[in-house]
Protein backbone atom coordinates (compact mmCIF):
# COMPACT_ATOMS: atom_id res chain seq x y z
CA UNK A 1 -7.18 -7.30 -27.80
CA UNK A 2 -7.17 -5.51 -24.18
CA UNK A 3 -3.69 -4.93 -24.29
CA UNK A 4 -4.35 -3.43 -27.85
CA UNK A 5 -6.99 -0.65 -25.73
CA UNK A 6 -5.01 -0.14 -22.91
CA UNK A 7 -1.91 0.85 -25.12
CA UNK A 8 -4.53 3.12 -27.29
CA UNK A 9 -5.21 4.38 -23.71
CA UNK A 10 -1.97 5.60 -22.37
CA UNK A 11 -1.35 7.54 -26.09
CA UNK A 12 -4.46 8.84 -26.36
CA UNK A 13 -3.39 10.25 -22.10
CA UNK A 14 0.00 11.05 -22.71
CA UNK A 15 -1.55 13.15 -25.90
CA UNK A 16 -4.31 14.99 -23.64
CA UNK A 17 -1.20 15.98 -21.44
CA UNK A 18 0.65 17.74 -24.41
CA UNK A 19 -1.92 19.98 -25.17
CA UNK A 20 -2.97 20.45 -21.05
CA UNK A 21 -6.70 18.59 -21.32
CA UNK A 22 -6.02 16.35 -19.01
CA UNK A 23 -7.31 15.92 -15.89
CA UNK A 24 -5.52 13.98 -12.97
CA UNK A 25 -6.81 10.55 -12.89
CA UNK A 26 -6.76 7.33 -10.82
CA UNK A 27 -7.19 3.77 -11.47
CA UNK A 28 -11.16 3.95 -10.05
CA UNK A 29 -11.59 6.87 -12.38
CA UNK A 30 -10.47 4.83 -14.89
CA UNK A 31 -12.62 2.02 -13.76
CA UNK A 32 -15.57 4.03 -13.61
CA UNK A 33 -15.35 5.66 -16.94
CA UNK A 34 -15.23 1.51 -17.99
CA UNK A 35 -16.03 -1.23 -16.53
CA UNK A 36 -14.53 -3.75 -19.01
CA UNK A 37 -10.86 -1.87 -18.23
CA UNK A 38 -8.23 -5.04 -17.70
CA UNK A 39 -6.03 -4.52 -14.74
CA UNK A 40 -2.43 -3.98 -16.15
CA UNK A 41 -0.15 -0.99 -16.25
CA UNK A 42 -1.09 2.21 -17.13
CA UNK A 43 0.00 6.05 -17.29
CA UNK A 44 -2.06 8.54 -15.67
CA UNK A 45 -1.76 12.30 -14.98
CA UNK A 46 -1.52 14.17 -11.15
CA UNK A 47 -1.70 17.21 -10.35
CA UNK A 48 1.99 17.87 -10.23
CA UNK A 49 1.65 17.84 -14.09
CA UNK A 50 3.93 15.14 -14.10
CA UNK A 51 2.73 11.51 -15.82
CA UNK A 52 3.38 8.36 -14.07
CA UNK A 53 2.88 4.92 -14.87
CA UNK A 54 1.29 3.02 -12.23
CA UNK A 55 -0.34 -0.76 -12.05
CA UNK A 56 -4.14 -0.76 -11.52
CA UNK A 57 -5.95 -3.49 -10.45
CA UNK A 58 -9.35 -3.53 -11.76
CA UNK A 59 -10.66 -7.09 -10.24
CA UNK A 60 -9.72 -7.72 -6.55
CA UNK A 61 -12.41 -5.79 -3.99
CA UNK A 62 -14.42 -4.30 -6.48
CA UNK A 63 -11.06 -2.92 -8.45
CA UNK A 64 -9.85 0.58 -9.02
CA UNK A 65 -6.81 0.11 -6.47
CA UNK A 66 -3.69 1.85 -7.59
CA UNK A 67 -0.15 0.26 -7.16
CA UNK A 68 2.84 2.62 -7.20
CA UNK A 69 6.35 1.11 -8.46
CA UNK A 70 9.13 2.63 -6.42
CA UNK A 71 10.70 5.18 -9.87
CA UNK A 72 6.87 6.55 -9.81
CA UNK A 73 6.86 6.65 -6.39
CA UNK A 74 10.36 9.49 -6.08
CA UNK A 75 8.76 11.42 -8.63
CA UNK A 76 5.07 12.25 -7.36
CA UNK A 77 4.37 15.16 -4.33
CA UNK A 78 2.22 14.45 -1.23
CA UNK A 79 -0.48 16.27 -3.26
CA UNK A 80 -0.43 13.72 -6.14
CA UNK A 81 -0.51 10.49 -3.43
CA UNK A 82 -3.68 12.43 -1.41
CA UNK A 83 -5.60 13.19 -5.16
CA UNK A 84 -5.25 9.10 -5.59
CA UNK A 85 -6.62 8.03 -2.08
CA UNK A 86 -10.10 9.08 -1.64
CA UNK A 87 -11.33 5.93 0.22
CA UNK A 88 -10.07 5.84 3.65
CA UNK A 89 -11.38 2.44 4.50
CA UNK A 90 -9.57 0.57 2.96
CA UNK A 91 -6.51 -1.17 0.93
CA UNK A 92 -5.09 -3.65 -1.10
CA UNK A 93 -1.97 -5.56 -0.38
CA UNK A 94 0.04 -7.64 -2.80
CA UNK A 95 2.36 -10.09 -1.65
CA UNK A 96 5.38 -11.14 -4.03
CA UNK A 97 6.54 -13.78 -2.40
CA UNK A 98 9.11 -17.16 -3.59
CA UNK A 99 7.29 -18.96 -5.40
CA UNK A 100 6.02 -16.29 -8.02
CA UNK A 101 2.81 -16.03 -6.32
CA UNK A 102 1.52 -12.93 -5.65
CA UNK A 103 -1.81 -12.97 -3.01
CA UNK A 104 -3.42 -10.65 -1.44
CA UNK A 105 -5.61 -9.07 1.36
CA UNK A 106 -7.45 -6.15 2.00
CA UNK A 107 -6.62 -4.14 5.46
CA UNK A 108 -9.66 -2.27 6.90
CA UNK A 109 -9.80 -1.09 10.08
CA UNK A 110 -11.23 -2.79 12.88
CA UNK A 111 -14.80 -2.02 14.01
CA UNK A 112 -14.67 0.19 17.27
CA UNK A 113 -11.90 2.50 14.47
CA UNK A 114 -13.99 2.67 11.87
CA UNK A 115 -14.46 5.75 12.44
CA UNK A 116 -11.17 7.00 11.89
CA UNK A 117 -9.48 6.77 8.27
CA UNK A 118 -6.55 4.68 7.60
CA UNK A 119 -3.32 6.88 7.08
CA UNK A 120 -1.60 7.00 3.60
CA UNK A 121 1.11 9.37 3.20
CA UNK A 122 4.49 9.84 1.17
CA UNK A 123 7.62 10.32 3.09
CA UNK A 124 5.45 11.53 6.07
CA UNK A 125 4.68 10.55 9.49
CA UNK A 126 3.43 13.19 11.62
CA UNK A 127 1.16 12.24 14.14
CA UNK A 128 1.72 8.31 14.09
CA UNK A 129 4.84 6.16 14.92
CA UNK A 130 8.11 6.54 13.40
CA UNK A 131 9.29 3.82 11.31
CA UNK A 132 12.01 1.35 12.75
CA UNK A 133 13.69 1.75 8.95
CA UNK A 134 14.08 5.38 8.43
CA UNK A 135 17.90 5.09 8.07
CA UNK A 136 16.71 3.56 4.52
CA UNK A 137 16.15 6.94 3.34
CA UNK A 138 13.44 8.74 1.36
CA UNK A 139 11.17 8.42 -0.27
CA UNK A 140 8.43 5.90 2.09
CA UNK A 141 4.99 5.03 1.94
CA UNK A 142 3.39 4.94 4.68
CA UNK A 143 0.43 3.12 6.32
CA UNK A 144 -1.41 3.70 9.75
CA UNK A 145 -3.71 2.28 11.77
CA UNK A 146 -4.29 4.23 14.71
CA UNK A 147 -2.74 7.62 15.56
CA UNK A 148 0.11 8.05 18.01
CA UNK A 149 -2.16 9.83 20.44
CA UNK A 150 -4.24 6.63 20.83
CA UNK A 151 -2.41 3.70 20.44
CA UNK A 152 0.24 4.98 23.21
CA UNK A 153 -2.76 5.88 25.44
CA UNK A 154 -2.49 2.24 25.50
CA UNK A 155 -6.55 1.52 24.44
CA UNK A 156 -8.17 -1.63 24.67
CA UNK A 157 -7.08 -3.22 21.22
CA UNK A 158 -4.87 -2.06 18.49
CA UNK A 159 -4.60 -3.79 14.76
CA UNK A 160 -6.67 -4.08 11.76
CA UNK A 161 -9.20 -6.18 9.72
CA UNK A 162 -7.49 -8.69 7.00
CA UNK A 163 -9.57 -10.67 4.74
CA UNK A 164 -12.57 -10.30 7.04
CA UNK A 165 -10.79 -11.21 9.90
CA UNK A 166 -10.18 -9.23 13.15
CA UNK A 167 -6.53 -9.10 13.62
CA UNK A 168 -6.64 -7.67 17.29
CA UNK A 169 -4.23 -7.35 19.86
CA UNK A 170 -4.48 -5.72 23.63
CA UNK A 171 -1.40 -3.37 24.20
CA UNK A 172 0.69 -3.98 26.90
CA UNK A 173 3.13 -0.40 27.00
CA UNK A 174 2.47 2.47 25.14
CA UNK A 175 4.64 1.96 21.88
CA UNK A 176 1.91 4.02 19.29
CA UNK A 177 3.34 1.76 16.60
CA UNK A 178 0.46 0.48 14.21
CA UNK A 179 1.52 1.32 10.85
CA UNK A 180 3.55 -0.55 7.21
CA UNK A 181 5.83 0.98 5.40
CA UNK A 182 7.27 0.56 2.38
CA UNK A 183 10.93 1.64 1.31
CA UNK A 184 12.65 1.21 -2.17
CA UNK A 185 15.92 1.78 -0.15
CA UNK A 186 17.43 3.51 -3.49
CA UNK A 187 21.10 4.38 -1.19
CA UNK A 188 20.87 0.58 -0.43
CA UNK A 189 21.47 0.64 3.04
CA UNK A 190 21.17 -2.17 5.68
CA UNK A 191 17.56 -2.61 7.24
CA UNK A 192 17.64 -2.73 11.20
CA UNK A 193 18.05 -5.91 13.25
CA UNK A 194 15.16 -5.42 15.33
CA UNK A 195 12.71 -8.03 15.28
CA UNK A 196 9.55 -8.84 17.78
CA UNK A 197 7.40 -12.10 16.63
CA UNK A 198 4.05 -11.76 16.98
CA UNK A 199 1.15 -13.04 15.78
CA UNK A 200 -0.28 -10.02 14.31
CA UNK A 201 2.60 -9.96 12.07
CA UNK A 202 1.68 -13.52 11.14
CA UNK A 203 -1.62 -13.07 10.61
CA UNK A 204 -1.57 -11.00 7.70
CA UNK A 205 0.60 -13.75 5.89
CA UNK A 206 -1.63 -16.39 7.25
CA UNK A 207 -4.83 -14.53 5.87
CA UNK A 208 -3.35 -14.01 2.55
CA UNK A 209 -6.07 -15.41 -0.66
CA UNK A 210 -4.98 -16.03 -4.03
CA UNK A 211 -6.78 -14.10 -6.46
CA UNK A 212 -8.51 -16.45 -8.64
CA UNK A 213 -6.60 -15.94 -12.16
CA UNK A 214 -2.91 -15.97 -10.98
CA UNK A 215 -2.62 -12.84 -12.24
CA UNK A 216 0.61 -11.21 -11.02
CA UNK A 217 1.71 -7.59 -11.22
CA UNK A 218 5.36 -6.57 -12.71
CA UNK A 219 8.09 -7.58 -9.82
CA UNK A 220 9.53 -3.90 -9.65
CA UNK A 221 6.15 -2.69 -7.97
CA UNK A 222 6.96 -4.37 -4.59
CA UNK A 223 9.28 -3.35 -1.95
CA UNK A 224 11.01 -3.95 1.34
CA UNK A 225 8.15 -3.39 4.48
CA UNK A 226 8.11 -2.87 7.54
CA UNK A 227 5.49 -4.47 9.79
CA UNK A 228 4.99 -2.84 13.90
CA UNK A 229 2.40 -2.87 15.84
CA UNK A 230 3.10 -1.21 19.66
CA UNK A 231 3.65 -3.43 22.71
CA UNK A 232 2.53 -7.18 22.57
CA UNK A 233 2.23 -6.72 19.07
CA UNK A 234 4.82 -7.23 16.21
CA UNK A 235 7.16 -6.31 14.45
CA UNK A 236 8.52 -8.01 10.81
CA UNK A 237 9.64 -7.26 7.66
CA UNK A 238 10.12 -8.89 4.57
CA UNK A 239 13.82 -9.71 4.82
CA UNK A 240 12.97 -12.07 7.91
CA UNK A 241 9.73 -13.78 6.32
CA UNK A 242 11.40 -16.55 4.28
CA UNK A 243 8.82 -16.84 1.83
CA UNK A 244 7.86 -13.34 0.59
CA UNK A 245 10.52 -11.07 -1.25
CA UNK A 246 8.07 -7.64 -0.98
CA UNK A 247 4.96 -5.83 -0.17
CA UNK A 248 3.31 -3.23 -2.54
CA UNK A 249 0.15 -1.28 -1.37
CA UNK A 250 -3.10 -0.38 -3.65
CA UNK A 251 -5.07 2.24 -2.63
CA UNK A 252 -7.77 4.19 -4.55
């Protein structure tokens, strides 16, 4: 029944787009309109008037999180992404592991940076640290916790909260990195060999939680990802983690 309802909703949305009566939608909007909507794949409209397929997580951390596949990422604009990213206080990361599980974590700012909104951008890191793997090309989905102006000033702490755990470290140089970047890598370019092992990256994996239902997202929603956090933090990526296949970031 839930699947039939989701299919009906997608059909109705396509019809309203065809006649020009749709407004931009997000998974949070869909959940607000009907709290019984199940997690799954939906078609939504965006300001550019394109329609994209997304995965809506309707349960974890209150639900309403939108996940974008590489194909959809290549068809949206920065304005489209901004229109869907309204909650600047939390992001939901899903990690696809080699055993088929997809544990998750809620990512938030450290308490001392609660006044700084999370950064989520499409192929744009202006004002923030440069991703290591830019050679992988466009598009990329960029998440950052601290602007370069703050992270490069050797603040007392850098890092983020992961499932309520304070994942912080003291920077030892002016490296401004405080980011997680996802790349579809459509051109099949070789990833960087740079590596800087550290607890900040390890804690993200060790603090993941299993979703109670065991429900999984379609595999195509996961991408190569790099994590880079300043001097004495860490650099790691999904090619170097033996139990990890890819990351996906949900927002609302």
